[in-house]
Amino acid sequence: LTEQARIGALAIIHAEDPAVLEAAP
């Protein structure tokens, strides 16, 4: 994100947390 902010690029994110997924049944 620091680099993308520098070059003016858009970051698109698949947002799921691996720790929550690992702890889920």
PDBML (XML) file of the C-alpha atoms, coordinates in Angstrom:
<?xml version="1.0" encoding="UTF-8" ?>
<PDBx:datablock datablockName="MODEL"
   xmlns:PDBx="http://pdbml.pdb.org/schema/pdbx-v50.xsd"
   xmlns:xsi="http://www.w3.org/2001/XMLSchema-instance"
   xsi:schemaLocation="http://pdbml.pdb.org/schema/pdbx-v50.xsd pdbx-v50.xsd">
   <PDBx:atom_siteCategory>
      <PDBx:atom_site id="1">
         <PDBx:B_iso_or_equiv>0.00</PDBx:B_iso_or_equiv>
         <PDBx:Cartn_x>0.000</PDBx:Cartn_x>
         <PDBx:Cartn_y>0.000</PDBx:Cartn_y>
         <PDBx:Cartn_z>0.000</PDBx:Cartn_z>
         <PDBx:auth_asym_id>A</PDBx:auth_asym_id>
         <PDBx:auth_atom_id>CA</PDBx:auth_atom_id>
         <PDBx:auth_comp_id>LEU</PDBx:auth_comp_id>
         <PDBx:auth_seq_id>1</PDBx:auth_seq_id>
         <PDBx:group_PDB>ATOM</PDBx:group_PDB>
         <PDBx:label_alt_id xsi:nil="true" />
         <PDBx:label_asym_id>A</PDBx:label_asym_id>
         <PDBx:label_atom_id>CA</PDBx:label_atom_id>
         <PDBx:label_comp_id>LEU</PDBx:label_comp_id>
         <PDBx:label_entity_id>1</PDBx:label_entity_id>
         <PDBx:label_seq_id>1</PDBx:label_seq_id>
         <PDBx:occupancy>1.00</PDBx:occupancy>
         <PDBx:pdbx_PDB_model_num>1</PDBx:pdbx_PDB_model_num>
         <PDBx:type_symbol>C</PDBx:type_symbol>
      </PDBx:atom_site>
      <PDBx:atom_site id="2">
         <PDBx:B_iso_or_equiv>0.00</PDBx:B_iso_or_equiv>
         <PDBx:Cartn_x>2.889</PDBx:Cartn_x>
         <PDBx:Cartn_y>2.369</PDBx:Cartn_y>
         <PDBx:Cartn_z>0.646</PDBx:Cartn_z>
         <PDBx:auth_asym_id>A</PDBx:auth_asym_id>
         <PDBx:auth_atom_id>CA</PDBx:auth_atom_id>
         <PDBx:auth_comp_id>THR</PDBx:auth_comp_id>
         <PDBx:auth_seq_id>2</PDBx:auth_seq_id>
         <PDBx:group_PDB>ATOM</PDBx:group_PDB>
         <PDBx:label_alt_id xsi:nil="true" />
         <PDBx:label_asym_id>A</PDBx:label_asym_id>
         <PDBx:label_atom_id>CA</PDBx:label_atom_id>
         <PDBx:label_comp_id>THR</PDBx:label_comp_id>
         <PDBx:label_entity_id>1</PDBx:label_entity_id>
         <PDBx:label_seq_id>2</PDBx:label_seq_id>
         <PDBx:occupancy>1.00</PDBx:occupancy>
         <PDBx:pdbx_PDB_model_num>1</PDBx:pdbx_PDB_model_num>
         <PDBx:type_symbol>C</PDBx:type_symbol>
      </PDBx:atom_site>
      <PDBx:atom_site id="3">
         <PDBx:B_iso_or_equiv>0.00</PDBx:B_iso_or_equiv>
         <PDBx:Cartn_x>4.182</PDBx:Cartn_x>
         <PDBx:Cartn_y>1.759</PDBx:Cartn_y>
         <PDBx:Cartn_z>-2.873</PDBx:Cartn_z>
         <PDBx:auth_asym_id>A</PDBx:auth_asym_id>
         <PDBx:auth_atom_id>CA</PDBx:auth_atom_id>
         <PDBx:auth_comp_id>GLU</PDBx:auth_comp_id>
         <PDBx:auth_seq_id>3</PDBx:auth_seq_id>
         <PDBx:group_PDB>ATOM</PDBx:group_PDB>
         <PDBx:label_alt_id xsi:nil="true" />
         <PDBx:label_asym_id>A</PDBx:label_asym_id>
         <PDBx:label_atom_id>CA</PDBx:label_atom_id>
         <PDBx:label_comp_id>GLU</PDBx:label_comp_id>
         <PDBx:label_entity_id>1</PDBx:label_entity_id>
         <PDBx:label_seq_id>3</PDBx:label_seq_id>
         <PDBx:occupancy>1.00</PDBx:occupancy>
         <PDBx:pdbx_PDB_model_num>1</PDBx:pdbx_PDB_model_num>
         <PDBx:type_symbol>C</PDBx:type_symbol>
      </PDBx:atom_site>
      <PDBx:atom_site id="4">
         <PDBx:B_iso_or_equiv>0.00</PDBx:B_iso_or_equiv>
         <PDBx:Cartn_x>0.730</PDBx:Cartn_x>
         <PDBx:Cartn_y>2.001</PDBx:Cartn_y>
         <PDBx:Cartn_z>-4.437</PDBx:Cartn_z>
         <PDBx:auth_asym_id>A</PDBx:auth_asym_id>
         <PDBx:auth_atom_id>CA</PDBx:auth_atom_id>
         <PDBx:auth_comp_id>GLN</PDBx:auth_comp_id>
         <PDBx:auth_seq_id>4</PDBx:auth_seq_id>
         <PDBx:group_PDB>ATOM</PDBx:group_PDB>
         <PDBx:label_alt_id xsi:nil="true" />
         <PDBx:label_asym_id>A</PDBx:label_asym_id>
         <PDBx:label_atom_id>CA</PDBx:label_atom_id>
         <PDBx:label_comp_id>GLN</PDBx:label_comp_id>
         <PDBx:label_entity_id>1</PDBx:label_entity_id>
         <PDBx:label_seq_id>4</PDBx:label_seq_id>
         <PDBx:occupancy>1.00</PDBx:occupancy>
         <PDBx:pdbx_PDB_model_num>1</PDBx:pdbx_PDB_model_num>
         <PDBx:type_symbol>C</PDBx:type_symbol>
      </PDBx:atom_site>
      <PDBx:atom_site id="5">
         <PDBx:B_iso_or_equiv>0.00</PDBx:B_iso_or_equiv>
         <PDBx:Cartn_x>0.128</PDBx:Cartn_x>
         <PDBx:Cartn_y>5.309</PDBx:Cartn_y>
         <PDBx:Cartn_z>-2.656</PDBx:Cartn_z>
         <PDBx:auth_asym_id>A</PDBx:auth_asym_id>
         <PDBx:auth_atom_id>CA</PDBx:auth_atom_id>
         <PDBx:auth_comp_id>ALA</PDBx:auth_comp_id>
         <PDBx:auth_seq_id>5</PDBx:auth_seq_id>
         <PDBx:group_PDB>ATOM</PDBx:group_PDB>
         <PDBx:label_alt_id xsi:nil="true" />
         <PDBx:label_asym_id>A</PDBx:label_asym_id>
         <PDBx:label_atom_id>CA</PDBx:label_atom_id>
         <PDBx:label_comp_id>ALA</PDBx:label_comp_id>
         <PDBx:label_entity_id>1</PDBx:label_entity_id>
         <PDBx:label_seq_id>5</PDBx:label_seq_id>
         <PDBx:occupancy>1.00</PDBx:occupancy>
         <PDBx:pdbx_PDB_model_num>1</PDBx:pdbx_PDB_model_num>
         <PDBx:type_symbol>C</PDBx:type_symbol>
      </PDBx:atom_site>
      <PDBx:atom_site id="6">
         <PDBx:B_iso_or_equiv>0.00</PDBx:B_iso_or_equiv>
         <PDBx:Cartn_x>3.458</PDBx:Cartn_x>
         <PDBx:Cartn_y>6.555</PDBx:Cartn_y>
         <PDBx:Cartn_z>-4.044</PDBx:Cartn_z>
         <PDBx:auth_asym_id>A</PDBx:auth_asym_id>
         <PDBx:auth_atom_id>CA</PDBx:auth_atom_id>
         <PDBx:auth_comp_id>ARG</PDBx:auth_comp_id>
         <PDBx:auth_seq_id>6</PDBx:auth_seq_id>
         <PDBx:group_PDB>ATOM</PDBx:group_PDB>
         <PDBx:label_alt_id xsi:nil="true" />
         <PDBx:label_asym_id>A</PDBx:label_asym_id>
         <PDBx:label_atom_id>CA</PDBx:label_atom_id>
         <PDBx:label_comp_id>ARG</PDBx:label_comp_id>
         <PDBx:label_entity_id>1</PDBx:label_entity_id>
         <PDBx:label_seq_id>6</PDBx:label_seq_id>
         <PDBx:occupancy>1.00</PDBx:occupancy>
         <PDBx:pdbx_PDB_model_num>1</PDBx:pdbx_PDB_model_num>
         <PDBx:type_symbol>C</PDBx:type_symbol>
      </PDBx:atom_site>
      <PDBx:atom_site id="7">
         <PDBx:B_iso_or_equiv>0.00</PDBx:B_iso_or_equiv>
         <PDBx:Cartn_x>2.656</PDBx:Cartn_x>
         <PDBx:Cartn_y>5.665</PDBx:Cartn_y>
         <PDBx:Cartn_z>-7.652</PDBx:Cartn_z>
         <PDBx:auth_asym_id>A</PDBx:auth_asym_id>
         <PDBx:auth_atom_id>CA</PDBx:auth_atom_id>
         <PDBx:auth_comp_id>ILE</PDBx:auth_comp_id>
         <PDBx:auth_seq_id>7</PDBx:auth_seq_id>
         <PDBx:group_PDB>ATOM</PDBx:group_PDB>
         <PDBx:label_alt_id xsi:nil="true" />
         <PDBx:label_asym_id>A</PDBx:label_asym_id>
         <PDBx:label_atom_id>CA</PDBx:label_atom_id>
         <PDBx:label_comp_id>ILE</PDBx:label_comp_id>
         <PDBx:label_entity_id>1</PDBx:label_entity_id>
         <PDBx:label_seq_id>7</PDBx:label_seq_id>
         <PDBx:occupancy>1.00</PDBx:occupancy>
         <PDBx:pdbx_PDB_model_num>1</PDBx:pdbx_PDB_model_num>
         <PDBx:type_symbol>C</PDBx:type_symbol>
      </PDBx:atom_site>
      <PDBx:atom_site id="8">
         <PDBx:B_iso_or_equiv>0.00</PDBx:B_iso_or_equiv>
         <PDBx:Cartn_x>-1.024</PDBx:Cartn_x>
         <PDBx:Cartn_y>6.618</PDBx:Cartn_y>
         <PDBx:Cartn_z>-7.463</PDBx:Cartn_z>
         <PDBx:auth_asym_id>A</PDBx:auth_asym_id>
         <PDBx:auth_atom_id>CA</PDBx:auth_atom_id>
         <PDBx:auth_comp_id>GLY</PDBx:auth_comp_id>
         <PDBx:auth_seq_id>8</PDBx:auth_seq_id>
         <PDBx:group_PDB>ATOM</PDBx:group_PDB>
         <PDBx:label_alt_id xsi:nil="true" />
         <PDBx:label_asym_id>A</PDBx:label_asym_id>
         <PDBx:label_atom_id>CA</PDBx:label_atom_id>
         <PDBx:label_comp_id>GLY</PDBx:label_comp_id>
         <PDBx:label_entity_id>1</PDBx:label_entity_id>
         <PDBx:label_seq_id>8</PDBx:label_seq_id>
         <PDBx:occupancy>1.00</PDBx:occupancy>
         <PDBx:pdbx_PDB_model_num>1</PDBx:pdbx_PDB_model_num>
         <PDBx:type_symbol>C</PDBx:type_symbol>
      </PDBx:atom_site>
      <PDBx:atom_site id="9">
         <PDBx:B_iso_or_equiv>0.00</PDBx:B_iso_or_equiv>
         <PDBx:Cartn_x>-2.404</PDBx:Cartn_x>
         <PDBx:Cartn_y>3.118</PDBx:Cartn_y>
         <PDBx:Cartn_z>-7.998</PDBx:Cartn_z>
         <PDBx:auth_asym_id>A</PDBx:auth_asym_id>
         <PDBx:auth_atom_id>CA</PDBx:auth_atom_id>
         <PDBx:auth_comp_id>ALA</PDBx:auth_comp_id>
         <PDBx:auth_seq_id>9</PDBx:auth_seq_id>
         <PDBx:group_PDB>ATOM</PDBx:group_PDB>
         <PDBx:label_alt_id xsi:nil="true" />
         <PDBx:label_asym_id>A</PDBx:label_asym_id>
         <PDBx:label_atom_id>CA</PDBx:label_atom_id>
         <PDBx:label_comp_id>ALA</PDBx:label_comp_id>
         <PDBx:label_entity_id>1</PDBx:label_entity_id>
         <PDBx:label_seq_id>9</PDBx:label_seq_id>
         <PDBx:occupancy>1.00</PDBx:occupancy>
         <PDBx:pdbx_PDB_model_num>1</PDBx:pdbx_PDB_model_num>
         <PDBx:type_symbol>C</PDBx:type_symbol>
      </PDBx:atom_site>
      <PDBx:atom_site id="10">
         <PDBx:B_iso_or_equiv>0.00</PDBx:B_iso_or_equiv>
         <PDBx:Cartn_x>-5.644</PDBx:Cartn_x>
         <PDBx:Cartn_y>1.608</PDBx:Cartn_y>
         <PDBx:Cartn_z>-6.737</PDBx:Cartn_z>
         <PDBx:auth_asym_id>A</PDBx:auth_asym_id>
         <PDBx:auth_atom_id>CA</PDBx:auth_atom_id>
         <PDBx:auth_comp_id>LEU</PDBx:auth_comp_id>
         <PDBx:auth_seq_id>10</PDBx:auth_seq_id>
         <PDBx:group_PDB>ATOM</PDBx:group_PDB>
         <PDBx:label_alt_id xsi:nil="true" />
         <PDBx:label_asym_id>A</PDBx:label_asym_id>
         <PDBx:label_atom_id>CA</PDBx:label_atom_id>
         <PDBx:label_comp_id>LEU</PDBx:label_comp_id>
         <PDBx:label_entity_id>1</PDBx:label_entity_id>
         <PDBx:label_seq_id>10</PDBx:label_seq_id>
         <PDBx:occupancy>1.00</PDBx:occupancy>
         <PDBx:pdbx_PDB_model_num>1</PDBx:pdbx_PDB_model_num>
         <PDBx:type_symbol>C</PDBx:type_symbol>
      </PDBx:atom_site>
      <PDBx:atom_site id="11">
         <PDBx:B_iso_or_equiv>0.00</PDBx:B_iso_or_equiv>
         <PDBx:Cartn_x>-5.444</PDBx:Cartn_x>
         <PDBx:Cartn_y>-1.343</PDBx:Cartn_y>
         <PDBx:Cartn_z>-4.335</PDBx:Cartn_z>
         <PDBx:auth_asym_id>A</PDBx:auth_asym_id>
         <PDBx:auth_atom_id>CA</PDBx:auth_atom_id>
         <PDBx:auth_comp_id>ALA</PDBx:auth_comp_id>
         <PDBx:auth_seq_id>11</PDBx:auth_seq_id>
         <PDBx:group_PDB>ATOM</PDBx:group_PDB>
         <PDBx:label_alt_id xsi:nil="true" />
         <PDBx:label_asym_id>A</PDBx:label_asym_id>
         <PDBx:label_atom_id>CA</PDBx:label_atom_id>
         <PDBx:label_comp_id>ALA</PDBx:label_comp_id>
         <PDBx:label_entity_id>1</PDBx:label_entity_id>
         <PDBx:label_seq_id>11</PDBx:label_seq_id>
         <PDBx:occupancy>1.00</PDBx:occupancy>
         <PDBx:pdbx_PDB_model_num>1</PDBx:pdbx_PDB_model_num>
         <PDBx:type_symbol>C</PDBx:type_symbol>
      </PDBx:atom_site>
      <PDBx:atom_site id="12">
         <PDBx:B_iso_or_equiv>0.00</PDBx:B_iso_or_equiv>
         <PDBx:Cartn_x>-8.278</PDBx:Cartn_x>
         <PDBx:Cartn_y>-3.868</PDBx:Cartn_y>
         <PDBx:Cartn_z>-4.625</PDBx:Cartn_z>
         <PDBx:auth_asym_id>A</PDBx:auth_asym_id>
         <PDBx:auth_atom_id>CA</PDBx:auth_atom_id>
         <PDBx:auth_comp_id>ILE</PDBx:auth_comp_id>
         <PDBx:auth_seq_id>12</PDBx:auth_seq_id>
         <PDBx:group_PDB>ATOM</PDBx:group_PDB>
         <PDBx:label_alt_id xsi:nil="true" />
         <PDBx:label_asym_id>A</PDBx:label_asym_id>
         <PDBx:label_atom_id>CA</PDBx:label_atom_id>
         <PDBx:label_comp_id>ILE</PDBx:label_comp_id>
         <PDBx:label_entity_id>1</PDBx:label_entity_id>
         <PDBx:label_seq_id>12</PDBx:label_seq_id>
         <PDBx:occupancy>1.00</PDBx:occupancy>
         <PDBx:pdbx_PDB_model_num>1</PDBx:pdbx_PDB_model_num>
         <PDBx:type_symbol>C</PDBx:type_symbol>
      </PDBx:atom_site>
      <PDBx:atom_site id="13">
         <PDBx:B_iso_or_equiv>0.00</PDBx:B_iso_or_equiv>
         <PDBx:Cartn_x>-8.519</PDBx:Cartn_x>
         <PDBx:Cartn_y>-6.297</PDBx:Cartn_y>
         <PDBx:Cartn_z>-1.735</PDBx:Cartn_z>
         <PDBx:auth_asym_id>A</PDBx:auth_asym_id>
         <PDBx:auth_atom_id>CA</PDBx:auth_atom_id>
         <PDBx:auth_comp_id>ILE</PDBx:auth_comp_id>
         <PDBx:auth_seq_id>13</PDBx:auth_seq_id>
         <PDBx:group_PDB>ATOM</PDBx:group_PDB>
         <PDBx:label_alt_id xsi:nil="true" />
         <PDBx:label_asym_id>A</PDBx:label_asym_id>
         <PDBx:label_atom_id>CA</PDBx:label_atom_id>
         <PDBx:label_comp_id>ILE</PDBx:label_comp_id>
         <PDBx:label_entity_id>1</PDBx:label_entity_id>
         <PDBx:label_seq_id>13</PDBx:label_seq_id>
         <PDBx:occupancy>1.00</PDBx:occupancy>
         <PDBx:pdbx_PDB_model_num>1</PDBx:pdbx_PDB_model_num>
         <PDBx:type_symbol>C</PDBx:type_symbol>
      </PDBx:atom_site>
      <PDBx:atom_site id="14">
         <PDBx:B_iso_or_equiv>0.00</PDBx:B_iso_or_equiv>
         <PDBx:Cartn_x>-10.045</PDBx:Cartn_x>
         <PDBx:Cartn_y>-9.694</PDBx:Cartn_y>
         <PDBx:Cartn_z>-0.992</PDBx:Cartn_z>
         <PDBx:auth_asym_id>A</PDBx:auth_asym_id>
         <PDBx:auth_atom_id>CA</PDBx:auth_atom_id>
         <PDBx:auth_comp_id>HIS</PDBx:auth_comp_id>
         <PDBx:auth_seq_id>14</PDBx:auth_seq_id>
         <PDBx:group_PDB>ATOM</PDBx:group_PDB>
         <PDBx:label_alt_id xsi:nil="true" />
         <PDBx:label_asym_id>A</PDBx:label_asym_id>
         <PDBx:label_atom_id>CA</PDBx:label_atom_id>
         <PDBx:label_comp_id>HIS</PDBx:label_comp_id>
         <PDBx:label_entity_id>1</PDBx:label_entity_id>
         <PDBx:label_seq_id>14</PDBx:label_seq_id>
         <PDBx:occupancy>1.00</PDBx:occupancy>
         <PDBx:pdbx_PDB_model_num>1</PDBx:pdbx_PDB_model_num>
         <PDBx:type_symbol>C</PDBx:type_symbol>
      </PDBx:atom_site>
      <PDBx:atom_site id="15">
         <PDBx:B_iso_or_equiv>0.00</PDBx:B_iso_or_equiv>
         <PDBx:Cartn_x>-10.728</PDBx:Cartn_x>
         <PDBx:Cartn_y>-9.049</PDBx:Cartn_y>
         <PDBx:Cartn_z>2.676</PDBx:Cartn_z>
         <PDBx:auth_asym_id>A</PDBx:auth_asym_id>
         <PDBx:auth_atom_id>CA</PDBx:auth_atom_id>
         <PDBx:auth_comp_id>ALA</PDBx:auth_comp_id>
         <PDBx:auth_seq_id>15</PDBx:auth_seq_id>
         <PDBx:group_PDB>ATOM</PDBx:group_PDB>
         <PDBx:label_alt_id xsi:nil="true" />
         <PDBx:label_asym_id>A</PDBx:label_asym_id>
         <PDBx:label_atom_id>CA</PDBx:label_atom_id>
         <PDBx:label_comp_id>ALA</PDBx:label_comp_id>
         <PDBx:label_entity_id>1</PDBx:label_entity_id>
         <PDBx:label_seq_id>15</PDBx:label_seq_id>
         <PDBx:occupancy>1.00</PDBx:occupancy>
         <PDBx:pdbx_PDB_model_num>1</PDBx:pdbx_PDB_model_num>
         <PDBx:type_symbol>C</PDBx:type_symbol>
      </PDBx:atom_site>
      <PDBx:atom_site id="16">
         <PDBx:B_iso_or_equiv>0.00</PDBx:B_iso_or_equiv>
         <PDBx:Cartn_x>-11.069</PDBx:Cartn_x>
         <PDBx:Cartn_y>-12.143</PDBx:Cartn_y>
         <PDBx:Cartn_z>4.858</PDBx:Cartn_z>
         <PDBx:auth_asym_id>A</PDBx:auth_asym_id>
         <PDBx:auth_atom_id>CA</PDBx:auth_atom_id>
         <PDBx:auth_comp_id>GLU</PDBx:auth_comp_id>
         <PDBx:auth_seq_id>16</PDBx:auth_seq_id>
         <PDBx:group_PDB>ATOM</PDBx:group_PDB>
         <PDBx:label_alt_id xsi:nil="true" />
         <PDBx:label_asym_id>A</PDBx:label_asym_id>
         <PDBx:label_atom_id>CA</PDBx:label_atom_id>
         <PDBx:label_comp_id>GLU</PDBx:label_comp_id>
         <PDBx:label_entity_id>1</PDBx:label_entity_id>
         <PDBx:label_seq_id>16</PDBx:label_seq_id>
         <PDBx:occupancy>1.00</PDBx:occupancy>
         <PDBx:pdbx_PDB_model_num>1</PDBx:pdbx_PDB_model_num>
         <PDBx:type_symbol>C</PDBx:type_symbol>
      </PDBx:atom_site>
      <PDBx:atom_site id="17">
         <PDBx:B_iso_or_equiv>0.00</PDBx:B_iso_or_equiv>
         <PDBx:Cartn_x>-8.916</PDBx:Cartn_x>
         <PDBx:Cartn_y>-12.709</PDBx:Cartn_y>
         <PDBx:Cartn_z>7.934</PDBx:Cartn_z>
         <PDBx:auth_asym_id>A</PDBx:auth_asym_id>
         <PDBx:auth_atom_id>CA</PDBx:auth_atom_id>
         <PDBx:auth_comp_id>ASP</PDBx:auth_comp_id>
         <PDBx:auth_seq_id>17</PDBx:auth_seq_id>
         <PDBx:group_PDB>ATOM</PDBx:group_PDB>
         <PDBx:label_alt_id xsi:nil="true" />
         <PDBx:label_asym_id>A</PDBx:label_asym_id>
         <PDBx:label_atom_id>CA</PDBx:label_atom_id>
         <PDBx:label_comp_id>ASP</PDBx:label_comp_id>
         <PDBx:label_entity_id>1</PDBx:label_entity_id>
         <PDBx:label_seq_id>17</PDBx:label_seq_id>
         <PDBx:occupancy>1.00</PDBx:occupancy>
         <PDBx:pdbx_PDB_model_num>1</PDBx:pdbx_PDB_model_num>
         <PDBx:type_symbol>C</PDBx:type_symbol>
      </PDBx:atom_site>
      <PDBx:atom_site id="18">
         <PDBx:B_iso_or_equiv>0.00</PDBx:B_iso_or_equiv>
         <PDBx:Cartn_x>-6.955</PDBx:Cartn_x>
         <PDBx:Cartn_y>-15.990</PDBx:Cartn_y>
         <PDBx:Cartn_z>7.977</PDBx:Cartn_z>
         <PDBx:auth_asym_id>A</PDBx:auth_asym_id>
         <PDBx:auth_atom_id>CA</PDBx:auth_atom_id>
         <PDBx:auth_comp_id>PRO</PDBx:auth_comp_id>
         <PDBx:auth_seq_id>18</PDBx:auth_seq_id>
         <PDBx:group_PDB>ATOM</PDBx:group_PDB>
         <PDBx:label_alt_id xsi:nil="true" />
         <PDBx:label_asym_id>A</PDBx:label_asym_id>
         <PDBx:label_atom_id>CA</PDBx:label_atom_id>
         <PDBx:label_comp_id>PRO</PDBx:label_comp_id>
         <PDBx:label_entity_id>1</PDBx:label_entity_id>
         <PDBx:label_seq_id>18</PDBx:label_seq_id>
         <PDBx:occupancy>1.00</PDBx:occupancy>
         <PDBx:pdbx_PDB_model_num>1</PDBx:pdbx_PDB_model_num>
         <PDBx:type_symbol>C</PDBx:type_symbol>
      </PDBx:atom_site>
      <PDBx:atom_site id="19">
         <PDBx:B_iso_or_equiv>0.00</PDBx:B_iso_or_equiv>
         <PDBx:Cartn_x>-6.852</PDBx:Cartn_x>
         <PDBx:Cartn_y>-16.251</PDBx:Cartn_y>
         <PDBx:Cartn_z>11.777</PDBx:Cartn_z>
         <PDBx:auth_asym_id>A</PDBx:auth_asym_id>
         <PDBx:auth_atom_id>CA</PDBx:auth_atom_id>
         <PDBx:auth_comp_id>ALA</PDBx:auth_comp_id>
         <PDBx:auth_seq_id>19</PDBx:auth_seq_id>
         <PDBx:group_PDB>ATOM</PDBx:group_PDB>
         <PDBx:label_alt_id xsi:nil="true" />
         <PDBx:label_asym_id>A</PDBx:label_asym_id>
         <PDBx:label_atom_id>CA</PDBx:label_atom_id>
         <PDBx:label_comp_id>ALA</PDBx:label_comp_id>
         <PDBx:label_entity_id>1</PDBx:label_entity_id>
         <PDBx:label_seq_id>19</PDBx:label_seq_id>
         <PDBx:occupancy>1.00</PDBx:occupancy>
         <PDBx:pdbx_PDB_model_num>1</PDBx:pdbx_PDB_model_num>
         <PDBx:type_symbol>C</PDBx:type_symbol>
      </PDBx:atom_site>
      <PDBx:atom_site id="20">
         <PDBx:B_iso_or_equiv>0.00</PDBx:B_iso_or_equiv>
         <PDBx:Cartn_x>-10.642</PDBx:Cartn_x>
         <PDBx:Cartn_y>-15.941</PDBx:Cartn_y>
         <PDBx:Cartn_z>12.032</PDBx:Cartn_z>
         <PDBx:auth_asym_id>A</PDBx:auth_asym_id>
         <PDBx:auth_atom_id>CA</PDBx:auth_atom_id>
         <PDBx:auth_comp_id>VAL</PDBx:auth_comp_id>
         <PDBx:auth_seq_id>20</PDBx:auth_seq_id>
         <PDBx:group_PDB>ATOM</PDBx:group_PDB>
         <PDBx:label_alt_id xsi:nil="true" />
         <PDBx:label_asym_id>A</PDBx:label_asym_id>
         <PDBx:label_atom_id>CA</PDBx:label_atom_id>
         <PDBx:label_comp_id>VAL</PDBx:label_comp_id>
         <PDBx:label_entity_id>1</PDBx:label_entity_id>
         <PDBx:label_seq_id>20</PDBx:label_seq_id>
         <PDBx:occupancy>1.00</PDBx:occupancy>
         <PDBx:pdbx_PDB_model_num>1</PDBx:pdbx_PDB_model_num>
         <PDBx:type_symbol>C</PDBx:type_symbol>
      </PDBx:atom_site>
      <PDBx:atom_site id="21">
         <PDBx:B_iso_or_equiv>0.00</PDBx:B_iso_or_equiv>
         <PDBx:Cartn_x>-11.081</PDBx:Cartn_x>
         <PDBx:Cartn_y>-18.515</PDBx:Cartn_y>
         <PDBx:Cartn_z>9.279</PDBx:Cartn_z>
         <PDBx:auth_asym_id>A</PDBx:auth_asym_id>
         <PDBx:auth_atom_id>CA</PDBx:auth_atom_id>
         <PDBx:auth_comp_id>LEU</PDBx:auth_comp_id>
         <PDBx:auth_seq_id>21</PDBx:auth_seq_id>
         <PDBx:group_PDB>ATOM</PDBx:group_PDB>
         <PDBx:label_alt_id xsi:nil="true" />
         <PDBx:label_asym_id>A</PDBx:label_asym_id>
         <PDBx:label_atom_id>CA</PDBx:label_atom_id>
         <PDBx:label_comp_id>LEU</PDBx:label_comp_id>
         <PDBx:label_entity_id>1</PDBx:label_entity_id>
         <PDBx:label_seq_id>21</PDBx:label_seq_id>
         <PDBx:occupancy>1.00</PDBx:occupancy>
         <PDBx:pdbx_PDB_model_num>1</PDBx:pdbx_PDB_model_num>
         <PDBx:type_symbol>C</PDBx:type_symbol>
      </PDBx:atom_site>
      <PDBx:atom_site id="22">
         <PDBx:B_iso_or_equiv>0.00</PDBx:B_iso_or_equiv>
         <PDBx:Cartn_x>-8.686</PDBx:Cartn_x>
         <PDBx:Cartn_y>-20.906</PDBx:Cartn_y>
         <PDBx:Cartn_z>10.998</PDBx:Cartn_z>
         <PDBx:auth_asym_id>A</PDBx:auth_asym_id>
         <PDBx:auth_atom_id>CA</PDBx:auth_atom_id>
         <PDBx:auth_comp_id>GLU</PDBx:auth_comp_id>
         <PDBx:auth_seq_id>22</PDBx:auth_seq_id>
         <PDBx:group_PDB>ATOM</PDBx:group_PDB>
         <PDBx:label_alt_id xsi:nil="true" />
         <PDBx:label_asym_id>A</PDBx:label_asym_id>
         <PDBx:label_atom_id>CA</PDBx:label_atom_id>
         <PDBx:label_comp_id>GLU</PDBx:label_comp_id>
         <PDBx:label_entity_id>1</PDBx:label_entity_id>
         <PDBx:label_seq_id>22</PDBx:label_seq_id>
         <PDBx:occupancy>1.00</PDBx:occupancy>
         <PDBx:pdbx_PDB_model_num>1</PDBx:pdbx_PDB_model_num>
         <PDBx:type_symbol>C</PDBx:type_symbol>
      </PDBx:atom_site>
      <PDBx:atom_site id="23">
         <PDBx:B_iso_or_equiv>0.00</PDBx:B_iso_or_equiv>
         <PDBx:Cartn_x>-10.534</PDBx:Cartn_x>
         <PDBx:Cartn_y>-20.576</PDBx:Cartn_y>
         <PDBx:Cartn_z>14.295</PDBx:Cartn_z>
         <PDBx:auth_asym_id>A</PDBx:auth_asym_id>
         <PDBx:auth_atom_id>CA</PDBx:auth_atom_id>
         <PDBx:auth_comp_id>ALA</PDBx:auth_comp_id>
         <PDBx:auth_seq_id>23</PDBx:auth_seq_id>
         <PDBx:group_PDB>ATOM</PDBx:group_PDB>
         <PDBx:label_alt_id xsi:nil="true" />
         <PDBx:label_asym_id>A</PDBx:label_asym_id>
         <PDBx:label_atom_id>CA</PDBx:label_atom_id>
         <PDBx:label_comp_id>ALA</PDBx:label_comp_id>
         <PDBx:label_entity_id>1</PDBx:label_entity_id>
         <PDBx:label_seq_id>23</PDBx:label_seq_id>
         <PDBx:occupancy>1.00</PDBx:occupancy>
         <PDBx:pdbx_PDB_model_num>1</PDBx:pdbx_PDB_model_num>
         <PDBx:type_symbol>C</PDBx:type_symbol>
      </PDBx:atom_site>
      <PDBx:atom_site id="24">
         <PDBx:B_iso_or_equiv>0.00</PDBx:B_iso_or_equiv>
         <PDBx:Cartn_x>-13.983</PDBx:Cartn_x>
         <PDBx:Cartn_y>-21.073</PDBx:Cartn_y>
         <PDBx:Cartn_z>12.745</PDBx:Cartn_z>
         <PDBx:auth_asym_id>A</PDBx:auth_asym_id>
         <PDBx:auth_atom_id>CA</PDBx:auth_atom_id>
         <PDBx:auth_comp_id>ALA</PDBx:auth_comp_id>
         <PDBx:auth_seq_id>24</PDBx:auth_seq_id>
         <PDBx:group_PDB>ATOM</PDBx:group_PDB>
         <PDBx:label_alt_id xsi:nil="true" />
         <PDBx:label_asym_id>A</PDBx:label_asym_id>
         <PDBx:label_atom_id>CA</PDBx:label_atom_id>
         <PDBx:label_comp_id>ALA</PDBx:label_comp_id>
         <PDBx:label_entity_id>1</PDBx:label_entity_id>
         <PDBx:label_seq_id>24</PDBx:label_seq_id>
         <PDBx:occupancy>1.00</PDBx:occupancy>
         <PDBx:pdbx_PDB_model_num>1</PDBx:pdbx_PDB_model_num>
         <PDBx:type_symbol>C</PDBx:type_symbol>
      </PDBx:atom_site>
      <PDBx:atom_site id="25">
         <PDBx:B_iso_or_equiv>0.00</PDBx:B_iso_or_equiv>
         <PDBx:Cartn_x>-15.583</PDBx:Cartn_x>
         <PDBx:Cartn_y>-24.532</PDBx:Cartn_y>
         <PDBx:Cartn_z>12.847</PDBx:Cartn_z>
         <PDBx:auth_asym_id>A</PDBx:auth_asym_id>
         <PDBx:auth_atom_id>CA</PDBx:auth_atom_id>
         <PDBx:auth_comp_id>PRO</PDBx:auth_comp_id>
         <PDBx:auth_seq_id>25</PDBx:auth_seq_id>
         <PDBx:group_PDB>ATOM</PDBx:group_PDB>
         <PDBx:label_alt_id xsi:nil="true" />
         <PDBx:label_asym_id>A</PDBx:label_asym_id>
         <PDBx:label_atom_id>CA</PDBx:label_atom_id>
         <PDBx:label_comp_id>PRO</PDBx:label_comp_id>
         <PDBx:label_entity_id>1</PDBx:label_entity_id>
         <PDBx:label_seq_id>25</PDBx:label_seq_id>
         <PDBx:occupancy>1.00</PDBx:occupancy>
         <PDBx:pdbx_PDB_model_num>1</PDBx:pdbx_PDB_model_num>
         <PDBx:type_symbol>C</PDBx:type_symbol>
      </PDBx:atom_site>
   </PDBx:atom_siteCategory>
</PDBx:datablock>
